[in-house]
Amino acid sequence: MGDPVIQQKWELPPIRPLICEYRLLRLRYPGCGKLVLVGLPAGVSGSAFGPKLEAHIATLAGVFRLSRRQVAEVVREMFQIEILHGRCGRHDHADERHPRGPVGAFARGDPPGRSHPR
């Protein structure tokens, strides 16, 4: 008998999104009646996407030069996460599903370097 032959097969584990939900309280000042929204915990951004997903989206769009539609398809297929790729109208109000910063600009369809008013 000869020496055993070893075959190794590499595989990726299933990828499932981790969703963190933050419930923010809306409080009314007793004196003036003004409503205020309590902020997010320290270190949590107002973005709909976490830093790792933002980095993947930026890599797909920036390094691999995929279109918004292609990035949305890859994110949906790989991570089971639906992201919007359509362009918001210039006069539409910002949607909370669109994060701020470069990823938000990408998701809204803004041209590079254009800031979106909040």
C-alpha atoms as a PDB file:
ATOM      1  CA  MET A   1       0.000   0.000   0.000  1.00  0.00           C
ATOM      2  CA  GLY A   2       1.132   3.501  -0.718  1.00  0.00           C
ATOM      3  CA  ASP A   3       0.964   6.610   1.409  1.00  0.00           C
ATOM      4  CA  PRO A   4      -2.550   8.015   2.033  1.00  0.00           C
ATOM      5  CA  VAL A   5      -3.693  10.886  -0.136  1.00  0.00           C
ATOM      6  CA  ILE A   6      -5.164  13.805   1.727  1.00  0.00           C
ATOM      7  CA  GLN A   7      -7.681  16.104   0.117  1.00  0.00           C
ATOM      8  CA  GLN A   8      -8.768  19.272   1.889  1.00  0.00           C
ATOM      9  CA  LYS A   9     -11.838  21.242   0.935  1.00  0.00           C
ATOM     10  CA  TRP A  10     -12.307  24.838   2.059  1.00  0.00           C
ATOM     11  CA  GLU A  11     -15.792  26.184   2.618  1.00  0.00           C
ATOM     12  CA  LEU A  12     -17.262  29.369   4.000  1.00  0.00           C
ATOM     13  CA  PRO A  13     -19.642  29.152   6.944  1.00  0.00           C
ATOM     14  CA  PRO A  14     -23.210  30.359   6.380  1.00  0.00           C
ATOM     15  CA  ILE A  15     -23.407  34.137   6.678  1.00  0.00           C
ATOM     16  CA  ARG A  16     -26.363  35.519   8.567  1.00  0.00           C
ATOM     17  CA  PRO A  17     -26.885  39.214   9.259  1.00  0.00           C
ATOM     18  CA  LEU A  18     -26.718  40.376  12.857  1.00  0.00           C
ATOM     19  CA  ILE A  19     -29.401  42.974  13.484  1.00  0.00           C
ATOM     20  CA  CYS A  20     -29.056  45.259  16.508  1.00  0.00           C
ATOM     21  CA  GLU A  21     -32.223  47.177  17.376  1.00  0.00           C
ATOM     22  CA  TYR A  22     -32.172  50.322  19.466  1.00  0.00           C
ATOM     23  CA  ARG A  23     -35.452  51.665  20.777  1.00  0.00           C
ATOM     24  CA  LEU A  24     -35.220  55.374  21.418  1.00  0.00           C
ATOM     25  CA  LEU A  25     -37.518  57.151  23.812  1.00  0.00           C
ATOM     26  CA  ARG A  26     -39.325  60.318  22.809  1.00  0.00           C
ATOM     27  CA  LEU A  27     -39.752  62.497  25.886  1.00  0.00           C
ATOM     28  CA  ARG A  28     -41.695  65.712  26.419  1.00  0.00           C
ATOM     29  CA  TYR A  29     -40.252  68.509  28.532  1.00  0.00           C
ATOM     30  CA  PRO A  30     -42.842  69.271  31.208  1.00  0.00           C
ATOM     31  CA  GLY A  31     -42.239  73.035  31.167  1.00  0.00           C
ATOM     32  CA  CYS A  32     -42.392  73.853  27.455  1.00  0.00           C
ATOM     33  CA  GLY A  33     -43.941  70.689  26.028  1.00  0.00           C
ATOM     34  CA  LYS A  34     -41.146  70.240  23.471  1.00  0.00           C
ATOM     35  CA  LEU A  35     -40.591  66.655  22.309  1.00  0.00           C
ATOM     36  CA  VAL A  36     -37.013  65.356  22.274  1.00  0.00           C
ATOM     37  CA  LEU A  37     -35.655  62.054  21.074  1.00  0.00           C
ATOM     38  CA  VAL A  38     -33.166  60.380  23.384  1.00  0.00           C
ATOM     39  CA  GLY A  39     -29.924  59.698  21.499  1.00  0.00           C
ATOM     40  CA  LEU A  40     -28.312  56.402  20.609  1.00  0.00           C
ATOM     41  CA  PRO A  41     -25.813  54.839  23.006  1.00  0.00           C
ATOM     42  CA  ALA A  42     -22.224  56.058  22.805  1.00  0.00           C
ATOM     43  CA  GLY A  43     -20.356  54.493  19.908  1.00  0.00           C
ATOM     44  CA  VAL A  44     -23.500  53.659  17.897  1.00  0.00           C
ATOM     45  CA  SER A  45     -23.900  55.627  14.672  1.00  0.00           C
ATOM     46  CA  GLY A  46     -27.213  56.637  13.143  1.00  0.00           C
ATOM     47  CA  SER A  47     -26.409  54.610  10.026  1.00  0.00           C
ATOM     48  CA  ALA A  48     -28.637  51.713   9.019  1.00  0.00           C
ATOM     49  CA  PHE A  49     -25.476  49.705   8.335  1.00  0.00           C
ATOM     50  CA  GLY A  50     -22.712  48.655  10.691  1.00  0.00           C
ATOM     51  CA  PRO A  51     -19.052  49.378   9.922  1.00  0.00           C
ATOM     52  CA  LYS A  52     -18.338  45.914   8.463  1.00  0.00           C
ATOM     53  CA  LEU A  53     -21.268  46.050   6.034  1.00  0.00           C
ATOM     54  CA  GLU A  54     -20.338  49.631   5.110  1.00  0.00           C
ATOM     55  CA  ALA A  55     -16.785  48.449   4.367  1.00  0.00           C
ATOM     56  CA  HIS A  56     -18.061  45.634   2.138  1.00  0.00           C
ATOM     57  CA  ILE A  57     -20.363  48.000   0.248  1.00  0.00           C
ATOM     58  CA  ALA A  58     -17.553  50.521  -0.199  1.00  0.00           C
ATOM     59  CA  THR A  59     -15.209  47.792  -1.459  1.00  0.00           C
ATOM     60  CA  LEU A  60     -17.760  46.483  -3.955  1.00  0.00           C
ATOM     61  CA  ALA A  61     -18.515  49.968  -5.265  1.00  0.00           C
ATOM     62  CA  GLY A  62     -15.070  51.548  -5.011  1.00  0.00           C
ATOM     63  CA  VAL A  63     -12.532  48.802  -5.583  1.00  0.00           C
ATOM     64  CA  PHE A  64     -14.566  46.483  -7.813  1.00  0.00           C
ATOM     65  CA  ARG A  65     -16.467  49.366  -9.476  1.00  0.00           C
ATOM     66  CA  LEU A  66     -19.860  47.643  -9.319  1.00  0.00           C
ATOM     67  CA  SER A  67     -22.986  49.650 -10.067  1.00  0.00           C
ATOM     68  CA  ARG A  68     -25.522  50.408  -7.317  1.00  0.00           C
ATOM     69  CA  ARG A  69     -27.769  47.670  -8.694  1.00  0.00           C
ATOM     70  CA  GLN A  70     -24.901  45.162  -8.778  1.00  0.00           C
ATOM     71  CA  VAL A  71     -23.823  46.035  -5.212  1.00  0.00           C
ATOM     72  CA  ALA A  72     -27.411  45.595  -3.990  1.00  0.00           C
ATOM     73  CA  GLU A  73     -27.574  42.189  -5.726  1.00  0.00           C
ATOM     74  CA  VAL A  74     -24.263  41.004  -4.261  1.00  0.00           C
ATOM     75  CA  VAL A  75     -25.210  42.155  -0.742  1.00  0.00           C
ATOM     76  CA  ARG A  76     -28.597  40.431  -1.068  1.00  0.00           C
ATOM     77  CA  GLU A  77     -27.066  37.173  -2.364  1.00  0.00           C
ATOM     78  CA  MET A  78     -24.093  37.023   0.032  1.00  0.00           C
ATOM     79  CA  PHE A  79     -25.547  38.474   3.211  1.00  0.00           C
ATOM     80  CA  GLN A  80     -29.348  38.176   2.776  1.00  0.00           C
ATOM     81  CA  ILE A  81     -29.662  41.937   3.323  1.00  0.00           C
ATOM     82  CA  GLU A  82     -31.892  44.096   1.145  1.00  0.00           C
ATOM     83  CA  ILE A  83     -30.483  47.556   0.457  1.00  0.00           C
ATOM     84  CA  LEU A  84     -32.053  50.228  -1.683  1.00  0.00           C
ATOM     85  CA  HIS A  85     -30.230  51.053  -4.892  1.00  0.00           C
ATOM     86  CA  GLY A  86     -32.715  53.435  -6.500  1.00  0.00           C
ATOM     87  CA  ARG A  87     -32.160  57.146  -6.604  1.00  0.00           C
ATOM     88  CA  CYS A  88     -34.184  59.338  -4.259  1.00  0.00           C
ATOM     89  CA  GLY A  89     -35.633  62.426  -5.870  1.00  0.00           C
ATOM     90  CA  ARG A  90     -33.852  65.666  -5.121  1.00  0.00           C
ATOM     91  CA  HIS A  91     -36.852  67.021  -3.247  1.00  0.00           C
ATOM     92  CA  ASP A  92     -37.692  63.817  -1.406  1.00  0.00           C
ATOM     93  CA  HIS A  93     -37.099  63.731   2.309  1.00  0.00           C
ATOM     94  CA  ALA A  94     -34.176  61.577   3.408  1.00  0.00           C
ATOM     95  CA  ASP A  95     -35.209  58.034   4.243  1.00  0.00           C
ATOM     96  CA  GLU A  96     -33.977  56.565   7.523  1.00  0.00           C
ATOM     97  CA  ARG A  97     -32.864  53.477   5.587  1.00  0.00           C
ATOM     98  CA  HIS A  98     -30.187  55.628   3.941  1.00  0.00           C
ATOM     99  CA  PRO A  99     -27.189  56.084   6.204  1.00  0.00           C
ATOM    100  CA  ARG A 100     -25.058  59.193   6.220  1.00  0.00           C
ATOM    101  CA  GLY A 101     -21.611  59.406   4.701  1.00  0.00           C
ATOM    102  CA  PRO A 102     -20.271  57.756   1.539  1.00  0.00           C
ATOM    103  CA  VAL A 103     -22.396  54.622   1.856  1.00  0.00           C
ATOM    104  CA  GLY A 104     -25.538  56.722   2.253  1.00  0.00           C
ATOM    105  CA  ALA A 105     -24.594  58.796  -0.777  1.00  0.00           C
ATOM    106  CA  PHE A 106     -24.115  55.587  -2.731  1.00  0.00           C
ATOM    107  CA  ALA A 107     -27.455  54.173  -1.560  1.00  0.00           C
ATOM    108  CA  ARG A 108     -29.260  57.419  -2.454  1.00  0.00           C
ATOM    109  CA  GLY A 109     -27.608  57.525  -5.861  1.00  0.00           C
ATOM    110  CA  ASP A 110     -25.856  60.844  -5.221  1.00  0.00           C
ATOM    111  CA  PRO A 111     -22.947  61.608  -7.538  1.00  0.00           C
ATOM    112  CA  PRO A 112     -19.528  61.329  -5.846  1.00  0.00           C
ATOM    113  CA  GLY A 113     -18.695  64.408  -3.774  1.00  0.00           C
ATOM    114  CA  ARG A 114     -22.307  65.606  -3.507  1.00  0.00           C
ATOM    115  CA  SER A 115     -23.628  66.039  -0.010  1.00  0.00           C
ATOM    116  CA  HIS A 116     -27.242  65.258   0.775  1.00  0.00           C
ATOM    117  CA  PRO A 117     -29.078  67.619   3.115  1.00  0.00           C
ATOM    118  CA  ARG A 118     -30.523  66.014   6.223  1.00  0.00           C
END
